[in-house]
N, C-alpha and C. Protein backbone atom coordinates (compact mmCIF):
# COMPACT_ATOMS: atom_id res chain seq x y z
N MET A 1 -18.44 -39.87 -11.13
CA MET A 1 -18.84 -38.57 -11.61
C MET A 1 -19.03 -38.59 -13.14
N GLN A 2 -18.16 -39.32 -13.81
CA GLN A 2 -18.26 -39.40 -15.28
C GLN A 2 -19.58 -40.06 -15.70
N LYS A 3 -20.06 -41.03 -14.94
CA LYS A 3 -21.32 -41.69 -15.26
C LYS A 3 -22.49 -40.71 -15.15
N VAL A 4 -22.47 -39.84 -14.18
CA VAL A 4 -23.53 -38.84 -14.01
C VAL A 4 -23.52 -37.87 -15.19
N ILE A 5 -22.34 -37.43 -15.58
CA ILE A 5 -22.23 -36.50 -16.72
C ILE A 5 -22.69 -37.19 -17.99
N ASN A 6 -22.33 -38.45 -18.20
CA ASN A 6 -22.77 -39.18 -19.38
C ASN A 6 -24.30 -39.36 -19.37
N LEU A 7 -24.86 -39.63 -18.21
CA LEU A 7 -26.31 -39.77 -18.10
C LEU A 7 -27.01 -38.46 -18.45
N LEU A 8 -26.48 -37.35 -17.94
CA LEU A 8 -27.06 -36.04 -18.27
C LEU A 8 -26.95 -35.74 -19.76
N ALA A 9 -25.85 -36.14 -20.38
CA ALA A 9 -25.67 -35.93 -21.81
C ALA A 9 -26.68 -36.75 -22.61
N VAL A 10 -26.90 -37.99 -22.20
CA VAL A 10 -27.86 -38.84 -22.90
C VAL A 10 -29.27 -38.27 -22.74
N ILE A 11 -29.62 -37.84 -21.52
CA ILE A 11 -30.95 -37.26 -21.28
C ILE A 11 -31.13 -35.99 -22.12
N SER A 12 -30.07 -35.19 -22.20
CA SER A 12 -30.13 -33.97 -23.01
C SER A 12 -30.32 -34.31 -24.48
N PHE A 13 -29.59 -35.31 -24.96
CA PHE A 13 -29.72 -35.71 -26.35
C PHE A 13 -31.13 -36.21 -26.65
N VAL A 14 -31.67 -37.03 -25.77
CA VAL A 14 -33.03 -37.54 -25.97
C VAL A 14 -34.04 -36.39 -25.98
N GLY A 15 -33.86 -35.42 -25.11
CA GLY A 15 -34.76 -34.27 -25.08
C GLY A 15 -34.69 -33.45 -26.35
N VAL A 16 -33.48 -33.18 -26.82
CA VAL A 16 -33.31 -32.41 -28.06
C VAL A 16 -33.86 -33.19 -29.25
N ALA A 17 -33.61 -34.49 -29.29
CA ALA A 17 -34.13 -35.31 -30.38
C ALA A 17 -35.66 -35.31 -30.36
N GLY A 18 -36.26 -35.35 -29.18
CA GLY A 18 -37.71 -35.30 -29.08
C GLY A 18 -38.28 -33.98 -29.56
N ILE A 19 -37.63 -32.90 -29.18
CA ILE A 19 -38.07 -31.58 -29.65
C ILE A 19 -37.95 -31.48 -31.17
N TYR A 20 -36.84 -31.96 -31.71
CA TYR A 20 -36.64 -31.94 -33.15
C TYR A 20 -37.68 -32.78 -33.87
N ALA A 21 -37.95 -33.98 -33.36
CA ALA A 21 -38.94 -34.85 -33.99
C ALA A 21 -40.33 -34.24 -33.91
N GLY A 22 -40.67 -33.66 -32.76
CA GLY A 22 -41.97 -33.02 -32.63
C GLY A 22 -42.13 -31.82 -33.56
N GLY A 23 -41.09 -31.01 -33.67
CA GLY A 23 -41.13 -29.86 -34.58
C GLY A 23 -41.24 -30.28 -36.03
N THR A 24 -40.50 -31.32 -36.40
CA THR A 24 -40.57 -31.82 -37.77
C THR A 24 -41.95 -32.38 -38.08
N THR A 25 -42.50 -33.14 -37.16
CA THR A 25 -43.84 -33.69 -37.36
C THR A 25 -44.87 -32.59 -37.49
N LEU A 26 -44.77 -31.58 -36.64
CA LEU A 26 -45.69 -30.46 -36.72
C LEU A 26 -45.56 -29.73 -38.04
N PHE A 27 -44.33 -29.49 -38.48
CA PHE A 27 -44.10 -28.79 -39.74
C PHE A 27 -44.63 -29.57 -40.93
N LEU A 28 -44.41 -30.87 -40.93
CA LEU A 28 -44.86 -31.68 -42.07
C LEU A 28 -46.37 -31.84 -42.11
N ASN A 29 -47.04 -31.76 -40.97
CA ASN A 29 -48.49 -31.95 -40.91
C ASN A 29 -49.25 -30.65 -40.69
N LYS A 30 -48.60 -29.51 -40.84
CA LYS A 30 -49.25 -28.23 -40.55
C LYS A 30 -50.47 -28.00 -41.44
N ASP A 31 -50.41 -28.40 -42.70
CA ASP A 31 -51.54 -28.19 -43.60
C ASP A 31 -52.76 -28.97 -43.14
N ILE A 32 -52.55 -30.17 -42.65
CA ILE A 32 -53.67 -30.98 -42.14
C ILE A 32 -54.28 -30.33 -40.91
N TYR A 33 -53.40 -29.85 -39.99
CA TYR A 33 -53.90 -29.20 -38.77
C TYR A 33 -54.68 -27.93 -39.10
N ILE A 34 -54.17 -27.15 -40.05
CA ILE A 34 -54.85 -25.92 -40.44
C ILE A 34 -56.21 -26.23 -41.06
N GLU A 35 -56.26 -27.21 -41.93
CA GLU A 35 -57.52 -27.58 -42.59
C GLU A 35 -58.54 -28.09 -41.57
N ASN A 36 -58.10 -28.90 -40.61
CA ASN A 36 -59.01 -29.38 -39.57
C ASN A 36 -59.54 -28.22 -38.73
N ALA A 37 -58.67 -27.27 -38.40
CA ALA A 37 -59.11 -26.12 -37.61
C ALA A 37 -60.11 -25.28 -38.39
N LYS A 38 -59.89 -25.09 -39.69
CA LYS A 38 -60.83 -24.34 -40.53
C LYS A 38 -62.20 -25.03 -40.55
N ASN A 39 -62.19 -26.35 -40.72
CA ASN A 39 -63.46 -27.07 -40.78
C ASN A 39 -64.22 -26.98 -39.47
N LYS A 40 -63.51 -27.14 -38.35
CA LYS A 40 -64.18 -27.04 -37.05
C LYS A 40 -64.71 -25.64 -36.81
N LEU A 41 -63.92 -24.63 -37.17
CA LEU A 41 -64.35 -23.25 -36.97
C LEU A 41 -65.55 -22.92 -37.85
N THR A 42 -65.55 -23.38 -39.09
CA THR A 42 -66.67 -23.15 -39.98
C THR A 42 -67.94 -23.81 -39.43
N GLU A 43 -67.80 -25.00 -38.89
CA GLU A 43 -68.94 -25.71 -38.32
C GLU A 43 -69.50 -24.97 -37.10
N VAL A 44 -68.63 -24.53 -36.22
CA VAL A 44 -69.07 -23.82 -35.01
C VAL A 44 -69.73 -22.49 -35.37
N ILE A 45 -69.13 -21.76 -36.29
CA ILE A 45 -69.71 -20.47 -36.70
C ILE A 45 -71.06 -20.68 -37.37
N GLY A 46 -71.16 -21.70 -38.21
CA GLY A 46 -72.44 -21.99 -38.87
C GLY A 46 -73.53 -22.33 -37.88
N GLU A 47 -73.21 -23.14 -36.88
CA GLU A 47 -74.20 -23.50 -35.87
C GLU A 47 -74.61 -22.27 -35.05
N THR A 48 -73.66 -21.43 -34.74
CA THR A 48 -73.95 -20.22 -33.96
C THR A 48 -74.85 -19.27 -34.74
N ILE A 49 -74.60 -19.12 -36.03
CA ILE A 49 -75.44 -18.24 -36.85
C ILE A 49 -76.86 -18.78 -36.92
N VAL A 50 -76.99 -20.09 -37.07
CA VAL A 50 -78.32 -20.69 -37.14
C VAL A 50 -79.07 -20.48 -35.82
N GLU A 51 -78.36 -20.54 -34.70
CA GLU A 51 -79.01 -20.34 -33.40
C GLU A 51 -79.38 -18.89 -33.15
N VAL A 52 -78.53 -17.96 -33.55
CA VAL A 52 -78.71 -16.55 -33.22
C VAL A 52 -79.61 -15.84 -34.22
N LEU A 53 -79.59 -16.24 -35.47
CA LEU A 53 -80.30 -15.52 -36.52
C LEU A 53 -81.81 -15.42 -36.28
N PRO A 54 -82.52 -16.47 -35.91
CA PRO A 54 -83.97 -16.31 -35.70
C PRO A 54 -84.30 -15.32 -34.59
N THR A 55 -83.55 -15.34 -33.50
CA THR A 55 -83.85 -14.41 -32.41
C THR A 55 -83.50 -12.99 -32.81
N ALA A 56 -82.45 -12.81 -33.60
CA ALA A 56 -82.08 -11.47 -34.05
C ALA A 56 -83.14 -10.93 -35.02
N LEU A 57 -83.65 -11.79 -35.89
CA LEU A 57 -84.68 -11.34 -36.83
C LEU A 57 -85.98 -11.02 -36.12
N ASP A 58 -86.35 -11.83 -35.15
CA ASP A 58 -87.58 -11.58 -34.40
C ASP A 58 -87.52 -10.26 -33.65
N ALA A 59 -86.36 -9.90 -33.16
CA ALA A 59 -86.21 -8.65 -32.42
C ALA A 59 -86.32 -7.45 -33.34
N GLU A 60 -85.91 -7.60 -34.59
CA GLU A 60 -85.90 -6.48 -35.53
C GLU A 60 -87.23 -6.31 -36.26
N LEU A 61 -87.98 -7.37 -36.44
CA LEU A 61 -89.23 -7.27 -37.18
C LEU A 61 -90.35 -6.77 -36.27
N PRO A 62 -91.28 -5.97 -36.82
CA PRO A 62 -92.42 -5.54 -36.01
C PRO A 62 -93.33 -6.73 -35.69
N GLN A 63 -94.00 -6.65 -34.55
CA GLN A 63 -94.85 -7.76 -34.12
C GLN A 63 -96.18 -7.80 -34.88
N SER A 64 -96.63 -6.67 -35.36
CA SER A 64 -97.88 -6.66 -36.13
C SER A 64 -97.75 -5.64 -37.26
N LEU A 65 -98.57 -5.82 -38.26
CA LEU A 65 -98.55 -4.90 -39.39
C LEU A 65 -99.33 -3.65 -39.03
N PRO A 66 -98.94 -2.50 -39.58
CA PRO A 66 -99.69 -1.26 -39.29
C PRO A 66 -101.08 -1.31 -39.92
N GLN A 67 -102.08 -0.70 -39.25
CA GLN A 67 -103.45 -0.68 -39.75
C GLN A 67 -103.66 0.38 -40.81
N THR A 68 -102.92 1.48 -40.71
CA THR A 68 -103.04 2.54 -41.71
C THR A 68 -101.64 2.90 -42.21
N THR A 69 -101.61 3.46 -43.40
CA THR A 69 -100.36 3.90 -43.95
C THR A 69 -100.46 5.36 -44.31
N GLY A 70 -99.33 5.95 -44.61
CA GLY A 70 -99.30 7.36 -44.98
C GLY A 70 -99.75 7.56 -46.43
N GLY A 71 -99.76 8.80 -46.85
CA GLY A 71 -100.16 9.14 -48.22
C GLY A 71 -99.13 8.70 -49.22
N ALA A 72 -99.52 8.79 -50.49
CA ALA A 72 -98.62 8.41 -51.55
C ALA A 72 -97.49 9.44 -51.68
N ILE A 73 -96.36 9.00 -52.11
CA ILE A 73 -95.23 9.91 -52.31
C ILE A 73 -95.38 10.53 -53.69
N PRO A 74 -95.38 11.87 -53.78
CA PRO A 74 -95.52 12.50 -55.10
C PRO A 74 -94.24 12.32 -55.92
N PHE A 75 -94.44 12.21 -57.21
CA PHE A 75 -93.27 12.08 -58.10
C PHE A 75 -92.84 13.42 -58.55
């Protein structure tokens, strides 16, 4: 029975040590992860704007110029 309890203690220690090491690694490298996420997000947003902008402009612009215009605006 003592061997089972010792095995569970060792497994628990390894698990806690792994969580601690992972948290420490994440904390120490958080600036790198944030910067990479910003760069990827900026790239995706830029590509999306380039894709959407021409269709949005085409929808808003008139297809042809008017043949006549109104009178002059008095000052």
